[in-house]
Protein backbone atom coordinates (compact mmCIF):
# COMPACT_ATOMS: atom_id res chain seq x y z
CA UNK A 1 35.62 14.98 10.98
CA UNK A 2 38.80 15.41 12.96
CA UNK A 3 39.11 18.14 15.48
CA UNK A 4 35.50 18.74 15.87
CA UNK A 5 34.66 19.02 19.59
CA UNK A 6 31.40 19.86 21.16
CA UNK A 7 31.41 22.90 23.41
CA UNK A 8 28.65 24.66 25.18
CA UNK A 9 27.08 27.29 23.01
CA UNK A 10 25.83 30.77 24.18
CA UNK A 11 22.80 31.59 22.11
CA UNK A 12 21.71 35.19 22.08
CA UNK A 13 18.04 35.37 20.95
CA UNK A 14 17.18 38.22 18.60
CA UNK A 15 13.66 38.58 19.73
CA UNK A 16 10.84 37.60 22.24
CA UNK A 17 7.86 35.39 21.76
CA UNK A 18 4.75 37.07 20.54
CA UNK A 19 1.35 36.18 19.09
CA UNK A 20 0.61 36.73 15.43
CA UNK A 21 -2.90 37.71 14.20
CA UNK A 22 -1.97 38.58 10.55
CA UNK A 23 -3.18 35.53 8.71
CA UNK A 24 -2.09 37.02 5.40
CA UNK A 25 1.44 37.49 6.60
CA UNK A 26 1.59 33.89 7.73
CA UNK A 27 0.29 32.75 4.37
CA UNK A 28 2.91 34.70 2.57
CA UNK A 29 5.75 32.65 4.09
CA UNK A 30 3.88 29.41 3.91
CA UNK A 31 2.29 29.20 7.44
CA UNK A 32 -1.27 28.64 8.27
CA UNK A 33 -3.26 30.93 10.40
CA UNK A 34 -3.33 29.80 14.02
CA UNK A 35 0.41 29.13 14.39
CA UNK A 36 0.77 31.14 17.55
CA UNK A 37 4.48 31.37 18.61
CA UNK A 38 6.94 33.71 16.89
CA UNK A 39 10.26 35.27 17.72
CA UNK A 40 9.90 38.98 17.28
CA UNK A 41 12.27 40.97 15.09
CA UNK A 42 14.18 43.61 16.91
CA UNK A 43 14.26 47.21 15.63
CA UNK A 44 16.30 47.50 12.43
CA UNK A 45 15.64 44.01 10.91
CA UNK A 46 14.55 43.77 7.32
CA UNK A 47 10.93 43.34 6.19
CA UNK A 48 11.65 39.80 5.18
CA UNK A 49 13.22 38.97 8.52
CA UNK A 50 10.23 40.40 10.37
CA UNK A 51 8.06 38.10 8.29
CA UNK A 52 10.16 35.09 9.14
CA UNK A 53 10.01 35.89 12.87
CA UNK A 54 6.27 36.40 12.59
CA UNK A 55 6.01 32.91 10.96
CA UNK A 56 7.76 31.25 13.82
CA UNK A 57 11.42 31.35 12.76
CA UNK A 58 14.13 31.90 15.30
CA UNK A 59 17.62 33.34 15.09
CA UNK A 60 20.39 33.14 17.55
CA UNK A 61 24.18 33.78 17.62
CA UNK A 62 26.28 30.59 17.76
CA UNK A 63 29.66 30.72 19.31
CA UNK A 64 30.04 27.11 20.61
CA UNK A 65 33.13 26.36 18.49
CA UNK A 66 36.69 27.48 17.87
CA UNK A 67 35.81 29.67 14.99
CA UNK A 68 33.97 33.06 14.76
CA UNK A 69 30.48 33.59 16.14
CA UNK A 70 27.78 33.66 13.44
CA UNK A 71 23.96 33.65 13.22
CA UNK A 72 21.91 30.56 12.87
CA UNK A 73 18.22 30.51 11.83
CA UNK A 74 15.91 27.74 12.90
CA UNK A 75 12.37 26.76 12.20
CA UNK A 76 10.08 24.08 13.73
CA UNK A 77 6.36 24.34 13.24
CA UNK A 78 4.04 23.89 16.17
CA UNK A 79 3.02 20.34 15.07
CA UNK A 80 6.52 19.10 14.24
CA UNK A 81 7.40 16.44 16.85
CA UNK A 82 10.56 16.21 18.91
CA UNK A 83 11.72 13.18 16.82
CA UNK A 84 11.39 14.99 13.59
CA UNK A 85 14.08 14.86 10.84
CA UNK A 86 16.57 17.61 10.96
CA UNK A 87 17.69 19.43 7.73
CA UNK A 88 20.54 21.93 7.29
CA UNK A 89 19.96 24.34 4.44
CA UNK A 90 22.94 26.23 3.08
CA UNK A 91 22.65 29.49 1.30
CA UNK A 92 24.69 30.71 -1.68
CA UNK A 93 27.29 33.44 -2.25
CA UNK A 94 24.88 36.22 -1.40
CA UNK A 95 24.81 34.92 2.20
CA UNK A 96 21.09 35.32 2.25
CA UNK A 97 20.18 32.71 4.72
CA UNK A 98 16.82 34.56 5.36
CA UNK A 99 15.74 34.24 1.74
CA UNK A 100 16.56 30.42 1.77
CA UNK A 101 14.68 29.95 4.98
CA UNK A 102 11.61 31.79 3.52
CA UNK A 103 11.67 29.43 0.53
CA UNK A 104 11.77 26.36 2.83
CA UNK A 105 9.30 27.19 5.53
CA UNK A 106 6.27 25.99 3.70
CA UNK A 107 8.07 22.64 2.80
CA UNK A 108 9.15 22.21 6.44
CA UNK A 109 5.60 22.58 7.66
CA UNK A 110 4.30 20.06 5.02
CA UNK A 111 6.88 17.45 5.66
CA UNK A 112 7.20 18.19 9.45
CA UNK A 113 10.93 18.73 9.51
CA UNK A 114 13.06 20.95 11.66
CA UNK A 115 15.26 23.45 9.76
CA UNK A 116 18.72 24.73 10.58
CA UNK A 117 19.97 27.50 8.31
CA UNK A 118 23.46 28.80 9.19
CA UNK A 119 24.22 32.30 8.13
CA UNK A 120 27.86 32.28 7.08
CA UNK A 121 28.09 36.10 7.12
CA UNK A 122 30.74 37.95 5.15
CA UNK A 123 31.90 39.51 8.43
CA UNK A 124 32.80 36.18 10.01
CA UNK A 125 33.57 34.21 6.82
CA UNK A 126 35.06 36.60 4.18
CA UNK A 127 35.26 35.24 0.74
CA UNK A 128 34.45 31.86 -0.71
CA UNK A 129 37.55 30.24 0.61
CA UNK A 130 36.35 30.67 4.18
CA UNK A 131 32.85 29.45 3.50
CA UNK A 132 32.20 26.92 0.73
CA UNK A 133 35.88 25.90 0.29
CA UNK A 134 36.21 24.81 3.90
CA UNK A 135 38.64 27.48 5.08
CA UNK A 136 41.49 25.03 5.52
CA UNK A 137 44.10 27.76 5.12
CA UNK A 138 44.60 31.49 5.53
CA UNK A 139 45.09 33.69 2.57
CA UNK A 140 48.86 33.18 2.69
CA UNK A 141 48.47 29.40 2.74
CA UNK A 142 49.06 28.96 6.48
CA UNK A 143 47.04 25.92 7.55
CA UNK A 144 44.22 26.61 9.98
CA UNK A 145 43.48 24.30 13.06
CA UNK A 146 40.94 21.72 12.17
CA UNK A 147 38.54 23.03 14.72
CA UNK A 148 38.45 26.37 12.91
CA UNK A 149 37.53 24.98 9.48
CA UNK A 150 34.19 26.29 8.26
CA UNK A 151 32.99 22.53 8.00
CA UNK A 152 33.94 22.04 11.71
CA UNK A 153 30.90 24.17 12.78
CA UNK A 154 28.23 21.77 11.52
CA UNK A 155 28.38 19.07 14.27
CA UNK A 156 28.30 21.58 17.19
CA UNK A 157 25.55 23.61 15.61
CA UNK A 158 23.50 20.40 15.33
CA UNK A 159 24.13 19.58 18.98
CA UNK A 160 23.22 23.11 20.05
CA UNK A 161 20.00 23.26 18.04
CA UNK A 162 18.93 19.86 19.35
CA UNK A 163 19.36 21.12 22.90
CA UNK A 164 17.55 24.41 22.23
CA UNK A 165 14.58 22.79 20.47
CA UNK A 166 14.37 19.55 22.43
CA UNK A 167 14.94 17.48 19.30
CA UNK A 168 16.01 13.79 19.47
CA UNK A 169 17.13 13.05 15.90
CA UNK A 170 20.35 11.17 15.73
CA UNK A 171 21.32 12.34 12.17
CA UNK A 172 20.84 15.38 10.07
CA UNK A 173 20.31 15.84 6.31
CA UNK A 174 21.97 18.44 4.20
CA UNK A 175 20.83 20.59 1.28
CA UNK A 176 22.71 23.39 -0.41
CA UNK A 177 21.99 25.39 -3.50
CA UNK A 178 24.55 27.27 -5.58
CA UNK A 179 27.35 28.32 -3.20
CA UNK A 180 25.61 26.19 -0.50
CA UNK A 181 25.88 23.18 -2.90
CA UNK A 182 29.61 23.87 -3.15
CA UNK A 183 29.73 23.75 0.60
CA UNK A 184 27.75 20.56 0.87
CA UNK A 185 29.58 18.45 -1.70
CA UNK A 186 32.98 19.62 -0.46
CA UNK A 187 32.03 18.82 3.13
CA UNK A 188 31.14 15.30 2.04
CA UNK A 189 34.37 14.78 0.11
CA UNK A 190 36.30 16.07 3.14
CA UNK A 191 34.81 13.42 5.37
CA UNK A 192 31.58 15.07 6.56
CA UNK A 193 30.47 14.59 10.13
CA UNK A 194 29.63 11.52 12.27
CA UNK A 195 25.90 12.41 12.41
CA UNK A 196 25.47 13.27 8.64
CA UNK A 197 22.83 11.30 6.75
CA UNK A 198 21.41 12.05 3.31
CA UNK A 199 22.45 15.06 1.29
CA UNK A 200 21.35 17.00 -1.87
CA UNK A 201 23.81 19.25 -3.66
CA UNK A 202 21.87 21.54 -6.09
CA UNK A 203 23.22 23.67 -8.91
CA UNK A 204 26.80 24.22 -7.57
CA UNK A 205 28.86 26.55 -9.69
CA UNK A 206 32.08 24.61 -9.35
CA UNK A 207 33.17 21.29 -7.91
CA UNK A 208 36.03 19.55 -6.12
CA UNK A 209 36.50 16.90 -8.77
CA UNK A 210 37.52 13.56 -7.25
CA UNK A 211 40.99 13.90 -8.81
CA UNK A 212 44.17 14.28 -6.63
CA UNK A 213 46.04 15.78 -9.58
CA UNK A 214 43.80 18.97 -9.42
CA UNK A 215 44.32 21.26 -6.37
CA UNK A 216 41.63 21.94 -3.89
CA UNK A 217 38.99 23.42 -4.15
CA UNK A 218 38.64 22.17 -7.68
CA UNK A 219 40.06 18.79 -7.08
CA UNK A 220 41.41 16.78 -4.05
CA UNK A 221 45.09 17.86 -4.29
CA UNK A 222 46.26 19.41 -1.13
CA UNK A 223 43.33 18.29 0.89
CA UNK A 224 44.44 17.81 4.52
CA UNK A 225 45.75 14.37 5.07
CA UNK A 226 43.25 11.77 6.26
CA UNK A 227 40.13 13.44 5.09
CA UNK A 228 39.46 11.84 1.64
CA UNK A 229 38.12 8.38 2.02
CA UNK A 230 36.51 7.16 -1.26
CA UNK A 231 34.91 4.13 0.18
CA UNK A 232 33.08 6.25 2.70
CA UNK A 233 32.26 9.39 0.65
CA UNK A 234 31.14 7.66 -2.50
CA UNK A 235 28.91 5.21 -0.50
CA UNK A 236 26.81 7.99 1.09
CA UNK A 237 23.26 8.71 -0.14
CA UNK A 238 23.97 11.87 -1.96
CA UNK A 239 21.96 13.38 -4.84
CA UNK A 240 23.48 15.80 -7.35
CA UNK A 241 20.37 17.85 -8.25
CA UNK A 242 20.51 19.97 -11.39
CA UNK A 243 18.15 22.39 -13.06
CA UNK A 244 17.84 21.72 -16.82
CA UNK A 245 17.76 25.44 -17.50
CA UNK A 246 20.87 26.35 -15.45
CA UNK A 247 22.75 26.78 -18.70
CA UNK A 248 23.71 30.36 -18.75
CA UNK A 249 27.49 30.64 -19.48
CA UNK A 250 27.35 34.35 -18.56
CA UNK A 251 25.63 34.03 -15.13
CA UNK A 252 27.02 36.75 -12.91
CA UNK A 253 27.85 34.36 -10.08
CA UNK A 254 29.17 31.52 -12.17
CA UNK A 255 32.88 30.71 -11.06
CA UNK A 256 35.26 31.60 -13.85
CA UNK A 257 38.61 30.39 -12.56
CA UNK A 258 40.42 28.37 -15.19
CA UNK A 259 39.93 25.18 -13.14
CA UNK A 260 36.15 25.87 -12.97
CA UNK A 261 35.85 26.64 -16.66
CA UNK A 262 37.53 23.34 -17.33
CA UNK A 263 34.61 21.63 -15.67
CA UNK A 264 32.09 22.89 -18.18
CA UNK A 265 30.60 26.14 -19.65
CA UNK A 266 27.65 26.27 -17.24
CA UNK A 267 26.32 24.74 -14.04
CA UNK A 268 24.30 21.89 -15.65
CA UNK A 269 27.29 20.62 -17.54
CA UNK A 270 29.59 20.97 -14.57
CA UNK A 271 27.22 19.04 -12.33
CA UNK A 272 26.82 16.20 -14.84
CA UNK A 273 30.67 16.05 -15.25
CA UNK A 274 31.19 15.92 -11.48
CA UNK A 275 28.66 13.03 -11.14
CA UNK A 276 30.13 11.14 -13.99
CA UNK A 277 33.68 11.47 -12.61
CA UNK A 278 32.56 10.21 -9.17
CA UNK A 279 30.71 7.24 -10.68
CA UNK A 280 33.65 6.27 -12.81
CA UNK A 281 35.97 6.54 -9.79
CA UNK A 282 33.72 4.27 -7.59
CA UNK A 283 33.89 1.67 -10.42
CA UNK A 284 37.66 1.99 -10.83
CA UNK A 285 38.12 1.71 -7.06
CA UNK A 286 35.65 -1.11 -6.68
CA UNK A 287 33.82 0.71 -3.91
CA UNK A 288 30.16 1.02 -3.35
CA UNK A 289 28.38 4.00 -5.03
CA UNK A 290 25.40 5.51 -3.20
CA UNK A 291 25.10 8.68 -5.25
CA UNK A 292 22.41 9.59 -7.65
CA UNK A 293 21.79 12.38 -10.17
CA UNK A 294 18.42 13.98 -10.86
CA UNK A 295 17.23 16.71 -13.29
CA UNK A 296 14.57 19.29 -12.56
CA UNK A 297 12.86 20.18 -15.85
CA UNK A 298 12.27 23.86 -16.60
CA UNK A 299 14.17 25.23 -13.60
CA UNK A 300 17.24 27.41 -13.89
CA UNK A 301 19.51 28.87 -11.07
CA UNK A 302 16.59 29.11 -8.65
CA UNK A 303 16.61 27.70 -5.08
CA UNK A 304 12.87 28.15 -4.87
CA UNK A 305 12.38 25.87 -7.91
CA UNK A 306 14.83 23.26 -6.73
CA UNK A 307 13.80 22.98 -3.01
CA UNK A 308 10.31 21.35 -3.71
CA UNK A 309 12.14 18.55 -5.52
CA UNK A 310 14.94 18.32 -3.01
CA UNK A 311 12.59 17.80 -0.13
CA UNK A 312 10.80 14.90 -1.94
CA UNK A 313 14.23 13.18 -2.44
CA UNK A 314 15.23 13.71 1.21
CA UNK A 315 11.85 13.03 2.97
CA UNK A 316 9.33 12.12 0.47
CA UNK A 317 8.49 9.81 -2.45
CA UNK A 318 11.23 10.72 -4.98
CA UNK A 319 13.87 8.06 -5.13
CA UNK A 320 16.56 8.57 -7.73
CA UNK A 321 18.44 5.41 -8.67
CA UNK A 322 21.91 5.13 -7.07
CA UNK A 323 24.43 4.93 -9.86
CA UNK A 324 21.93 5.77 -12.57
CA UNK A 325 22.19 8.34 -15.27
CA UNK A 326 21.23 11.97 -14.78
CA UNK A 327 17.58 12.16 -15.73
CA UNK A 328 14.30 13.77 -14.56
CA UNK A 329 12.54 12.25 -11.59
CA UNK A 330 9.38 10.38 -12.28
CA UNK A 331 6.32 12.03 -10.92
């Protein structure tokens, strides 16, 4: 992505290292007794956050880019090696990075992956425009510098966490659910980053359809020049992951702008339409198509139900067929 420069980050730890004896607490967040190191929660943190710190999660303030400082959560179990895969997890519209981290910790331990969970706080990123839509412009339409787009933070966060944790991975994977899936798929369509690898976009509420006649963020119209490259974006190993029960047309957080409603009555229909449009465009443009679509039976709008399938796609034995139809994964 243009304009993304790596700068030194100043990380302010929110707690000190302490030993944990409460095995039941560790089990609650998916950690086995005996995992010793944890970053302690300071006074005033929520009960959930205290449990995450007790389980070994860390949280620091990232300011190593041109945009506003914001918190970043990380997790790496004691037996996860330095060359482990790195996964970004993106939260939804509630900005509940801690909840998402809690739902991924057990999976991270099982698959021995390092987690990065940015917390795009409302204070630093007010509204969906400044988070999942990329923050290309101010409210009045004034263009923002490329190094201040919300997408521009990913590469320097990756570099900062690698340095903090002593990781050696050359690439990172992406997973987002709901509003986080909106962020992930738009990041990909807008060019992504040079170290980006696989990605899963799960249960997004609206999409940037690959259509230049529809204005961003619901299409590609008005996207800053030079970002959209169909040969690159459509060839990436991306999975559109959809819960078969995510079919509530009255869900409280379902986007209801006219452009969003035109994509379908609920999230499942919108996701299937987005994938179908991308596949048709790849065929029309005669470019490679690396995307796949997978359904998760019996799961609605629930990150906790989608994550176990997503991790299998990214790091396990689940291999959706690129260019195939949307259908449940074989067990």
